[in-house]
Amino acid sequence: MRWLALIALLPTGVAAQETPRVLSLGGAVTEIVYALGAGEALVGRDQTSTYPAQAEALLDVGYVRRLSPEGILSVDPTLILAEAGAGPAETVTLMEGAGVPWITIPGGYDADTVPAKVHAVADALGLQEQGDALAAELTQQLADAQAAAPDQPLKVMFVMSLQAGRVMAAGQDTAANGMITLAGAQNAITSFDGYKQLTDEAILTAAPDVILMMAQAGDHAVTNADLQAHPALGATPAAQNEAVIRMDGMYLLGFGPRTPAAIRDLSARLSALQPEAG
């Protein structure tokens, strides 16, 4: 009954409106909409959509994986563009059942992911020509960035979080692994897919040359001293040499229009650390 009441809140005839009211869910999706020149169609965003700066003026409907129907309905969308994994499933089902088009933009963690996302967003917005041009431009930028990234014999551990002594790190089949590979280095963690907590033994065995982290502030910030104080991380070459790289999370892991620049940035910073890491 709650779902029926929410559906009743939807305006009638939204599908017939000529100008779409687009809700973008996912930082990379939002960046692509703006890169296509369609930012004026946006009426809302999720918490991860903070770039470009004008996106922050849009109504925030919540975290991309914990969306409520009420939050979505508050912006009265006629089209929802969502990154893979947006949800929960019951919210997606409700919106689809209410007749609001929910288009999932494909994900992935390699160079082909970015142009594929661009084409998907452009097709949804009816901007195929602009999408073709942007995808071609980004494909060339990605190729150039990869060509400029030297193969670097560095083992990089991406630390997602360090809380109460527990280290959450990125394995294979993750955005972090994809970016480490594109920048010419190697993921120090090869024994599992996804993000998992590491034992002290696993950290010592991985022996990363470099630790890569998202730049965070406040209570979530992890300093070099925090890394060195950890009984296992502190014994790694990365912590001992203070070979630590911090980058904005969406810039590094978003696989959107800024990914070519992020590859160049990460590759350059890895290269600068080679004497210390070696």
C-alpha atoms as a PDB file:
ATOM      1  CA  MET A   1       0.000   0.000   0.000  1.00  0.00           C
ATOM      2  CA  ARG A   2       2.894   2.358   0.719  1.00  0.00           C
ATOM      3  CA  TRP A   3       4.185   1.896  -2.827  1.00  0.00           C
ATOM      4  CA  LEU A   4       0.735   2.587  -4.279  1.00  0.00           C
ATOM      5  CA  ALA A   5       0.545   5.823  -2.328  1.00  0.00           C
ATOM      6  CA  LEU A   6       3.931   6.882  -3.620  1.00  0.00           C
ATOM      7  CA  ILE A   7       3.017   6.064  -7.201  1.00  0.00           C
ATOM      8  CA  ALA A   8      -0.066   8.229  -6.839  1.00  0.00           C
ATOM      9  CA  LEU A   9       2.236  11.174  -6.154  1.00  0.00           C
ATOM     10  CA  LEU A  10       3.701  10.953  -9.639  1.00  0.00           C
ATOM     11  CA  PRO A  11       2.363  13.586 -12.034  1.00  0.00           C
ATOM     12  CA  THR A  12       0.241  12.313 -14.887  1.00  0.00           C
ATOM     13  CA  GLY A  13       1.513  12.521 -18.417  1.00  0.00           C
ATOM     14  CA  VAL A  14       5.184  12.933 -17.526  1.00  0.00           C
ATOM     15  CA  ALA A  15       6.251  10.775 -20.442  1.00  0.00           C
ATOM     16  CA  ALA A  16       4.713  13.233 -22.855  1.00  0.00           C
ATOM     17  CA  GLN A  17       6.787  16.184 -21.671  1.00  0.00           C
ATOM     18  CA  GLU A  18       9.211  17.360 -24.343  1.00  0.00           C
ATOM     19  CA  THR A  19      11.924  18.495 -21.956  1.00  0.00           C
ATOM     20  CA  PRO A  20      13.086  15.619 -19.716  1.00  0.00           C
ATOM     21  CA  ARG A  21      13.606  16.120 -16.014  1.00  0.00           C
ATOM     22  CA  VAL A  22      16.698  14.002 -15.495  1.00  0.00           C
ATOM     23  CA  LEU A  23      17.837  12.554 -12.193  1.00  0.00           C
ATOM     24  CA  SER A  24      21.469  11.439 -12.390  1.00  0.00           C
ATOM     25  CA  LEU A  25      22.670   8.761  -9.985  1.00  0.00           C
ATOM     26  CA  GLY A  26      26.424   8.215  -9.924  1.00  0.00           C
ATOM     27  CA  GLY A  27      29.260  10.712 -10.114  1.00  0.00           C
ATOM     28  CA  ALA A  28      30.562   9.585 -13.506  1.00  0.00           C
ATOM     29  CA  VAL A  29      27.060   9.591 -14.990  1.00  0.00           C
ATOM     30  CA  THR A  30      26.536  13.167 -13.847  1.00  0.00           C
ATOM     31  CA  GLU A  31      29.908  14.252 -15.229  1.00  0.00           C
ATOM     32  CA  ILE A  32      29.018  12.726 -18.604  1.00  0.00           C
ATOM     33  CA  VAL A  33      25.683  14.550 -18.727  1.00  0.00           C
ATOM     34  CA  TYR A  34      27.499  17.847 -18.229  1.00  0.00           C
ATOM     35  CA  ALA A  35      30.240  16.903 -20.705  1.00  0.00           C
ATOM     36  CA  LEU A  36      27.522  16.300 -23.309  1.00  0.00           C
ATOM     37  CA  GLY A  37      26.209  19.824 -22.695  1.00  0.00           C
ATOM     38  CA  ALA A  38      22.967  18.559 -21.157  1.00  0.00           C
ATOM     39  CA  GLY A  39      23.407  19.835 -17.625  1.00  0.00           C
ATOM     40  CA  GLU A  40      20.311  22.038 -17.858  1.00  0.00           C
ATOM     41  CA  ALA A  41      18.150  18.902 -18.041  1.00  0.00           C
ATOM     42  CA  LEU A  42      19.262  17.764 -14.595  1.00  0.00           C
ATOM     43  CA  VAL A  43      16.897  18.247 -11.671  1.00  0.00           C
ATOM     44  CA  GLY A  44      18.660  16.100  -9.071  1.00  0.00           C
ATOM     45  CA  ARG A  45      21.729  14.080  -8.203  1.00  0.00           C
ATOM     46  CA  ASP A  46      23.071  11.614  -5.667  1.00  0.00           C
ATOM     47  CA  GLN A  47      25.703  12.283  -2.995  1.00  0.00           C
ATOM     48  CA  THR A  48      28.610  11.115  -5.168  1.00  0.00           C
ATOM     49  CA  SER A  49      27.808  13.657  -7.884  1.00  0.00           C
ATOM     50  CA  THR A  50      29.885  16.646  -6.817  1.00  0.00           C
ATOM     51  CA  TYR A  51      31.670  17.467 -10.079  1.00  0.00           C
ATOM     52  CA  PRO A  52      31.510  19.784 -11.935  1.00  0.00           C
ATOM     53  CA  ALA A  53      30.869  22.428  -9.292  1.00  0.00           C
ATOM     54  CA  GLN A  54      27.430  23.344 -10.628  1.00  0.00           C
ATOM     55  CA  ALA A  55      26.208  19.836  -9.853  1.00  0.00           C
ATOM     56  CA  GLU A  56      26.289  20.662  -6.151  1.00  0.00           C
ATOM     57  CA  ALA A  57      23.452  23.141  -6.668  1.00  0.00           C
ATOM     58  CA  LEU A  58      21.134  20.267  -7.639  1.00  0.00           C
ATOM     59  CA  LEU A  59      18.880  18.630  -5.056  1.00  0.00           C
ATOM     60  CA  ASP A  60      20.669  15.697  -3.414  1.00  0.00           C
ATOM     61  CA  VAL A  61      18.424  12.602  -3.240  1.00  0.00           C
ATOM     62  CA  GLY A  62      20.787  10.519  -1.090  1.00  0.00           C
ATOM     63  CA  TYR A  63      23.500   7.911  -1.361  1.00  0.00           C
ATOM     64  CA  VAL A  64      23.439   6.049  -4.665  1.00  0.00           C
ATOM     65  CA  ARG A  65      23.056   2.588  -3.116  1.00  0.00           C
ATOM     66  CA  ARG A  66      20.581   3.574  -0.399  1.00  0.00           C
ATOM     67  CA  LEU A  67      18.010   5.601  -2.329  1.00  0.00           C
ATOM     68  CA  SER A  68      14.501   6.080  -1.040  1.00  0.00           C
ATOM     69  CA  PRO A  69      11.445   6.414  -3.288  1.00  0.00           C
ATOM     70  CA  GLU A  70      10.525   9.602  -1.432  1.00  0.00           C
ATOM     71  CA  GLY A  71      13.873  11.184  -2.203  1.00  0.00           C
ATOM     72  CA  ILE A  72      13.601  10.353  -5.882  1.00  0.00           C
ATOM     73  CA  LEU A  73      10.009  11.552  -6.143  1.00  0.00           C
ATOM     74  CA  SER A  74      10.944  14.844  -4.498  1.00  0.00           C
ATOM     75  CA  VAL A  75      12.613  15.968  -7.748  1.00  0.00           C
ATOM     76  CA  ASP A  76       9.745  14.771  -9.988  1.00  0.00           C
ATOM     77  CA  PRO A  77      11.975  13.041 -12.574  1.00  0.00           C
ATOM     78  CA  THR A  78      10.826  11.890 -15.991  1.00  0.00           C
ATOM     79  CA  LEU A  79      14.091  10.041 -16.663  1.00  0.00           C
ATOM     80  CA  ILE A  80      16.549   8.391 -14.302  1.00  0.00           C
ATOM     81  CA  LEU A  81      20.116   7.672 -15.394  1.00  0.00           C
ATOM     82  CA  ALA A  82      21.799   5.402 -12.863  1.00  0.00           C
ATOM     83  CA  GLU A  83      25.189   3.802 -12.534  1.00  0.00           C
ATOM     84  CA  ALA A  84      25.306   0.018 -12.202  1.00  0.00           C
ATOM     85  CA  GLY A  85      24.559  -0.971  -8.618  1.00  0.00           C
ATOM     86  CA  ALA A  86      22.281   1.971  -7.800  1.00  0.00           C
ATOM     87  CA  GLY A  87      19.379   0.981  -5.617  1.00  0.00           C
ATOM     88  CA  PRO A  88      18.172  -0.749  -3.531  1.00  0.00           C
ATOM     89  CA  ALA A  89      16.272  -3.105  -5.810  1.00  0.00           C
ATOM     90  CA  GLU A  90      12.866  -2.264  -4.320  1.00  0.00           C
ATOM     91  CA  THR A  91      13.326   1.414  -5.184  1.00  0.00           C
ATOM     92  CA  VAL A  92      14.262   0.537  -8.763  1.00  0.00           C
ATOM     93  CA  THR A  93      11.221  -1.728  -9.031  1.00  0.00           C
ATOM     94  CA  LEU A  94       8.941   0.998  -7.730  1.00  0.00           C
ATOM     95  CA  MET A  95      10.175   3.594 -10.185  1.00  0.00           C
ATOM     96  CA  GLU A  96       9.929   1.209 -13.117  1.00  0.00           C
ATOM     97  CA  GLY A  97       6.454   0.176 -12.041  1.00  0.00           C
ATOM     98  CA  ALA A  98       5.445   3.823 -11.839  1.00  0.00           C
ATOM     99  CA  GLY A  99       6.439   4.376 -15.452  1.00  0.00           C
ATOM    100  CA  VAL A 100       9.529   6.464 -14.784  1.00  0.00           C
ATOM    101  CA  PRO A 101      12.241   5.226 -17.178  1.00  0.00           C
ATOM    102  CA  TRP A 102      15.207   3.910 -15.190  1.00  0.00           C
ATOM    103  CA  ILE A 103      18.236   3.436 -17.428  1.00  0.00           C
ATOM    104  CA  THR A 104      21.249   1.664 -15.987  1.00  0.00           C
ATOM    105  CA  ILE A 105      24.548   2.859 -17.389  1.00  0.00           C
ATOM    106  CA  PRO A 106      27.012  -0.038 -17.780  1.00  0.00           C
ATOM    107  CA  GLY A 107      30.020  -0.208 -15.494  1.00  0.00           C
ATOM    108  CA  GLY A 108      33.489  -1.654 -15.844  1.00  0.00           C
ATOM    109  CA  TYR A 109      37.106  -1.059 -14.965  1.00  0.00           C
ATOM    110  CA  ASP A 110      39.059  -0.730 -18.204  1.00  0.00           C
ATOM    111  CA  ALA A 111      39.647   1.865 -20.909  1.00  0.00           C
ATOM    112  CA  ASP A 112      36.599   0.705 -22.893  1.00  0.00           C
ATOM    113  CA  THR A 113      34.319   1.494 -19.950  1.00  0.00           C
ATOM    114  CA  VAL A 114      34.432   5.269 -20.362  1.00  0.00           C
ATOM    115  CA  PRO A 115      33.289   5.536 -24.019  1.00  0.00           C
ATOM    116  CA  ALA A 116      30.675   2.827 -23.357  1.00  0.00           C
ATOM    117  CA  LYS A 117      29.220   4.944 -20.550  1.00  0.00           C
ATOM    118  CA  VAL A 118      29.232   8.019 -22.780  1.00  0.00           C
ATOM    119  CA  HIS A 119      27.328   6.226 -25.545  1.00  0.00           C
ATOM    120  CA  ALA A 120      24.768   4.883 -23.059  1.00  0.00           C
ATOM    121  CA  VAL A 121      24.088   8.305 -21.524  1.00  0.00           C
ATOM    122  CA  ALA A 122      24.002  10.032 -24.911  1.00  0.00           C
ATOM    123  CA  ASP A 123      21.573   7.464 -26.327  1.00  0.00           C
ATOM    124  CA  ALA A 124      19.270   7.894 -23.326  1.00  0.00           C
ATOM    125  CA  LEU A 125      19.250  11.661 -23.840  1.00  0.00           C
ATOM    126  CA  GLY A 126      18.867  11.493 -27.618  1.00  0.00           C
ATOM    127  CA  LEU A 127      22.288  13.073 -28.105  1.00  0.00           C
ATOM    128  CA  GLN A 128      23.922  10.434 -30.274  1.00  0.00           C
ATOM    129  CA  GLU A 129      25.978  12.892 -32.331  1.00  0.00           C
ATOM    130  CA  GLN A 130      27.377  14.594 -29.251  1.00  0.00           C
ATOM    131  CA  GLY A 131      27.970  11.181 -27.701  1.00  0.00           C
ATOM    132  CA  ASP A 132      29.933   9.947 -30.694  1.00  0.00           C
ATOM    133  CA  ALA A 133      32.134  13.041 -30.594  1.00  0.00           C
ATOM    134  CA  LEU A 134      32.762  12.876 -26.847  1.00  0.00           C
ATOM    135  CA  ALA A 135      33.410   9.125 -26.901  1.00  0.00           C
ATOM    136  CA  ALA A 136      35.925   9.524 -29.728  1.00  0.00           C
ATOM    137  CA  GLU A 137      37.697  12.349 -27.902  1.00  0.00           C
ATOM    138  CA  LEU A 138      37.918  10.387 -24.653  1.00  0.00           C
ATOM    139  CA  THR A 139      39.025   7.211 -26.430  1.00  0.00           C
ATOM    140  CA  GLN A 140      41.966   9.114 -27.892  1.00  0.00           C
ATOM    141  CA  GLN A 141      42.769  10.725 -24.550  1.00  0.00           C
ATOM    142  CA  LEU A 142      42.709   7.333 -22.850  1.00  0.00           C
ATOM    143  CA  ALA A 143      45.007   5.837 -25.474  1.00  0.00           C
ATOM    144  CA  ASP A 144      47.419   8.767 -25.104  1.00  0.00           C
ATOM    145  CA  ALA A 145      47.389   8.495 -21.307  1.00  0.00           C
ATOM    146  CA  GLN A 146      48.118   4.779 -21.424  1.00  0.00           C
ATOM    147  CA  ALA A 147      50.872   5.239 -23.988  1.00  0.00           C
ATOM    148  CA  ALA A 148      52.485   7.855 -21.769  1.00  0.00           C
ATOM    149  CA  ALA A 149      52.305   5.625 -18.678  1.00  0.00           C
ATOM    150  CA  PRO A 150      55.528   3.614 -18.425  1.00  0.00           C
ATOM    151  CA  ASP A 151      55.412   0.067 -17.110  1.00  0.00           C
ATOM    152  CA  GLN A 152      56.421   0.496 -13.498  1.00  0.00           C
ATOM    153  CA  PRO A 153      57.653  -2.441 -11.384  1.00  0.00           C
ATOM    154  CA  LEU A 154      55.724  -1.169  -8.404  1.00  0.00           C
ATOM    155  CA  LYS A 155      53.265  -3.131  -6.298  1.00  0.00           C
ATOM    156  CA  VAL A 156      50.451  -0.811  -5.244  1.00  0.00           C
ATOM    157  CA  MET A 157      47.962  -1.525  -2.467  1.00  0.00           C
ATOM    158  CA  PHE A 158      44.745   0.473  -2.555  1.00  0.00           C
ATOM    159  CA  VAL A 159      43.555   0.896   1.024  1.00  0.00           C
ATOM    160  CA  MET A 160      39.843   1.671   1.104  1.00  0.00           C
ATOM    161  CA  SER A 161      39.749   2.175   4.855  1.00  0.00           C
ATOM    162  CA  LEU A 162      41.690   1.720   8.065  1.00  0.00           C
ATOM    163  CA  GLN A 163      39.396   1.519  11.068  1.00  0.00           C
ATOM    164  CA  ALA A 164      40.119   0.010  14.475  1.00  0.00           C
ATOM    165  CA  GLY A 165      43.207  -1.647  13.030  1.00  0.00           C
ATOM    166  CA  ARG A 166      41.279  -3.350  10.241  1.00  0.00           C
ATOM    167  CA  VAL A 167      42.536  -2.766   6.698  1.00  0.00           C
ATOM    168  CA  MET A 168      40.036  -2.896   3.818  1.00  0.00           C
ATOM    169  CA  ALA A 169      41.868  -3.216   0.501  1.00  0.00           C
ATOM    170  CA  ALA A 170      41.062  -3.604  -3.187  1.00  0.00           C
ATOM    171  CA  GLY A 171      41.584  -6.890  -4.960  1.00  0.00           C
ATOM    172  CA  GLN A 172      41.019  -7.731  -8.598  1.00  0.00           C
ATOM    173  CA  ASP A 173      37.874  -6.678 -10.514  1.00  0.00           C
ATOM    174  CA  THR A 174      37.681  -3.273  -8.834  1.00  0.00           C
ATOM    175  CA  ALA A 175      37.961   0.303 -10.013  1.00  0.00           C
ATOM    176  CA  ALA A 176      41.165   0.648  -7.998  1.00  0.00           C
ATOM    177  CA  ASN A 177      42.712  -2.375  -9.689  1.00  0.00           C
ATOM    178  CA  GLY A 178      41.701  -0.997 -13.077  1.00  0.00           C
ATOM    179  CA  MET A 179      43.334   2.358 -12.435  1.00  0.00           C
ATOM    180  CA  ILE A 180      46.523   0.839 -11.031  1.00  0.00           C
ATOM    181  CA  THR A 181      46.808  -1.285 -14.164  1.00  0.00           C
ATOM    182  CA  LEU A 182      46.053   1.601 -16.536  1.00  0.00           C
ATOM    183  CA  ALA A 183      48.751   3.665 -14.818  1.00  0.00           C
ATOM    184  CA  GLY A 184      51.296   0.946 -15.577  1.00  0.00           C
ATOM    185  CA  ALA A 185      51.720  -0.555 -12.107  1.00  0.00           C
ATOM    186  CA  GLN A 186      50.609  -3.785 -10.416  1.00  0.00           C
ATOM    187  CA  ASN A 187      47.984  -4.401  -7.784  1.00  0.00           C
ATOM    188  CA  ALA A 188      49.729  -5.851  -4.731  1.00  0.00           C
ATOM    189  CA  ILE A 189      46.579  -7.870  -3.971  1.00  0.00           C
ATOM    190  CA  THR A 190      45.935 -10.705  -6.421  1.00  0.00           C
ATOM    191  CA  SER A 191      44.291 -13.382  -4.273  1.00  0.00           C
ATOM    192  CA  PHE A 192      40.667 -12.158  -4.367  1.00  0.00           C
ATOM    193  CA  ASP A 193      38.146 -10.011  -6.226  1.00  0.00           C
ATOM    194  CA  GLY A 194      36.408  -6.981  -4.782  1.00  0.00           C
ATOM    195  CA  TYR A 195      37.166  -5.247  -1.485  1.00  0.00           C
ATOM    196  CA  LYS A 196      37.998  -7.302   1.607  1.00  0.00           C
ATOM    197  CA  GLN A 197      39.639  -6.978   4.983  1.00  0.00           C
ATOM    198  CA  LEU A 198      43.241  -8.129   5.047  1.00  0.00           C
ATOM    199  CA  THR A 199      44.953 -10.146   7.728  1.00  0.00           C
ATOM    200  CA  ASP A 200      48.312  -8.936   8.960  1.00  0.00           C
ATOM    201  CA  GLU A 201      49.881 -11.925   7.241  1.00  0.00           C
ATOM    202  CA  ALA A 202      48.283 -10.990   3.910  1.00  0.00           C
ATOM    203  CA  ILE A 203      49.574  -7.423   4.209  1.00  0.00           C
ATOM    204  CA  LEU A 204      53.110  -8.583   4.967  1.00  0.00           C
ATOM    205  CA  THR A 205      52.995 -11.067   2.096  1.00  0.00           C
ATOM    206  CA  ALA A 206      51.750  -8.401  -0.324  1.00  0.00           C
ATOM    207  CA  ALA A 207      54.597  -6.067   0.731  1.00  0.00           C
ATOM    208  CA  PRO A 208      53.357  -3.066  -1.277  1.00  0.00           C
ATOM    209  CA  ASP A 209      55.849  -0.546  -2.598  1.00  0.00           C
ATOM    210  CA  VAL A 210      53.139   2.128  -2.653  1.00  0.00           C
ATOM    211  CA  ILE A 211      49.910   2.647  -0.741  1.00  0.00           C
ATOM    212  CA  LEU A 212      47.123   4.376  -2.674  1.00  0.00           C
ATOM    213  CA  MET A 213      44.196   5.940  -0.836  1.00  0.00           C
ATOM    214  CA  MET A 214      41.292   8.305  -1.319  1.00  0.00           C
ATOM    215  CA  ALA A 215      41.945  11.789   0.012  1.00  0.00           C
ATOM    216  CA  GLN A 216      39.709  12.231   3.042  1.00  0.00           C
ATOM    217  CA  ALA A 217      39.326  14.765   5.785  1.00  0.00           C
ATOM    218  CA  GLY A 218      38.138  14.848   9.359  1.00  0.00           C
ATOM    219  CA  ASP A 219      37.455  11.614  11.230  1.00  0.00           C
ATOM    220  CA  HIS A 220      37.938   9.539   8.064  1.00  0.00           C
ATOM    221  CA  ALA A 221      41.427  10.853   7.303  1.00  0.00           C
ATOM    222  CA  VAL A 222      44.305   8.376   7.549  1.00  0.00           C
ATOM    223  CA  THR A 223      47.719   9.939   8.072  1.00  0.00           C
ATOM    224  CA  ASN A 224      51.118   8.466   7.275  1.00  0.00           C
ATOM    225  CA  ALA A 225      51.612   8.134  11.007  1.00  0.00           C
ATOM    226  CA  ASP A 226      48.450   6.030  11.227  1.00  0.00           C
ATOM    227  CA  LEU A 227      49.800   3.729   8.511  1.00  0.00           C
ATOM    228  CA  GLN A 228      53.180   3.428  10.183  1.00  0.00           C
ATOM    229  CA  ALA A 229      51.571   2.669  13.552  1.00  0.00           C
ATOM    230  CA  HIS A 230      49.706  -0.328  12.146  1.00  0.00           C
ATOM    231  CA  PRO A 231      51.630  -3.504  13.055  1.00  0.00           C
ATOM    232  CA  ALA A 232      51.532  -4.920   9.509  1.00  0.00           C
ATOM    233  CA  LEU A 233      51.232  -1.857   7.273  1.00  0.00           C
ATOM    234  CA  GLY A 234      54.018  -0.180   9.207  1.00  0.00           C
ATOM    235  CA  ALA A 235      56.376  -2.985   8.211  1.00  0.00           C
ATOM    236  CA  THR A 236      55.753  -2.614   4.480  1.00  0.00           C
ATOM    237  CA  PRO A 237      58.159  -0.800   2.145  1.00  0.00           C
ATOM    238  CA  ALA A 238      55.357   1.669   1.328  1.00  0.00           C
ATOM    239  CA  ALA A 239      54.845   2.826   4.917  1.00  0.00           C
ATOM    240  CA  GLN A 240      58.523   2.796   5.803  1.00  0.00           C
ATOM    241  CA  ASN A 241      59.361   4.973   2.790  1.00  0.00           C
ATOM    242  CA  GLU A 242      56.192   7.071   3.163  1.00  0.00           C
ATOM    243  CA  ALA A 243      55.349   6.128  -0.413  1.00  0.00           C
ATOM    244  CA  VAL A 244      51.696   7.065  -0.062  1.00  0.00           C
ATOM    245  CA  ILE A 245      49.472   8.609  -2.734  1.00  0.00           C
ATOM    246  CA  ARG A 246      46.131  10.210  -1.934  1.00  0.00           C
ATOM    247  CA  MET A 247      43.680  11.235  -4.650  1.00  0.00           C
ATOM    248  CA  ASP A 248      40.070  12.386  -4.823  1.00  0.00           C
ATOM    249  CA  GLY A 249      37.900   9.270  -4.828  1.00  0.00           C
ATOM    250  CA  MET A 250      35.582  10.055  -7.746  1.00  0.00           C
ATOM    251  CA  TYR A 251      38.426  11.459  -9.833  1.00  0.00           C
ATOM    252  CA  LEU A 252      40.460   8.306  -9.277  1.00  0.00           C
ATOM    253  CA  LEU A 253      37.760   5.636  -9.340  1.00  0.00           C
ATOM    254  CA  GLY A 254      34.837   7.104 -11.272  1.00  0.00           C
ATOM    255  CA  PHE A 255      35.733   5.948 -14.791  1.00  0.00           C
ATOM    256  CA  GLY A 256      34.203   9.044 -16.331  1.00  0.00           C
ATOM    257  CA  PRO A 257      35.389  11.986 -18.453  1.00  0.00           C
ATOM    258  CA  ARG A 258      38.248  12.801 -16.053  1.00  0.00           C
ATOM    259  CA  THR A 259      39.746   9.304 -16.159  1.00  0.00           C
ATOM    260  CA  PRO A 260      42.428  10.117 -18.784  1.00  0.00           C
ATOM    261  CA  ALA A 261      43.705  12.926 -16.555  1.00  0.00           C
ATOM    262  CA  ALA A 262      43.552  10.650 -13.504  1.00  0.00           C
ATOM    263  CA  ILE A 263      45.658   8.005 -15.288  1.00  0.00           C
ATOM    264  CA  ARG A 264      48.303  10.616 -16.148  1.00  0.00           C
ATOM    265  CA  ASP A 265      48.230  11.988 -12.608  1.00  0.00           C
ATOM    266  CA  LEU A 266      48.556   8.586 -10.943  1.00  0.00           C
ATOM    267  CA  SER A 267      51.282   7.464 -13.362  1.00  0.00           C
ATOM    268  CA  ALA A 268      53.321  10.620 -12.755  1.00  0.00           C
ATOM    269  CA  ARG A 269      53.028  10.306  -9.001  1.00  0.00           C
ATOM    270  CA  LEU A 270      54.043   6.652  -9.127  1.00  0.00           C
ATOM    271  CA  SER A 271      57.053   7.548 -11.260  1.00  0.00           C
ATOM    272  CA  ALA A 272      58.069  10.211  -8.755  1.00  0.00           C
ATOM    273  CA  LEU A 273      58.027   7.611  -5.978  1.00  0.00           C
ATOM    274  CA  GLN A 274      60.164   5.016  -7.732  1.00  0.00           C
ATOM    275  CA  PRO A 275      63.496   5.995  -6.111  1.00  0.00           C
ATOM    276  CA  GLU A 276      61.930   5.801  -2.642  1.00  0.00           C
ATOM    277  CA  ALA A 277      59.845   2.709  -3.437  1.00  0.00           C
ATOM    278  CA  GLY A 278      62.782   0.967  -5.034  1.00  0.00           C
END
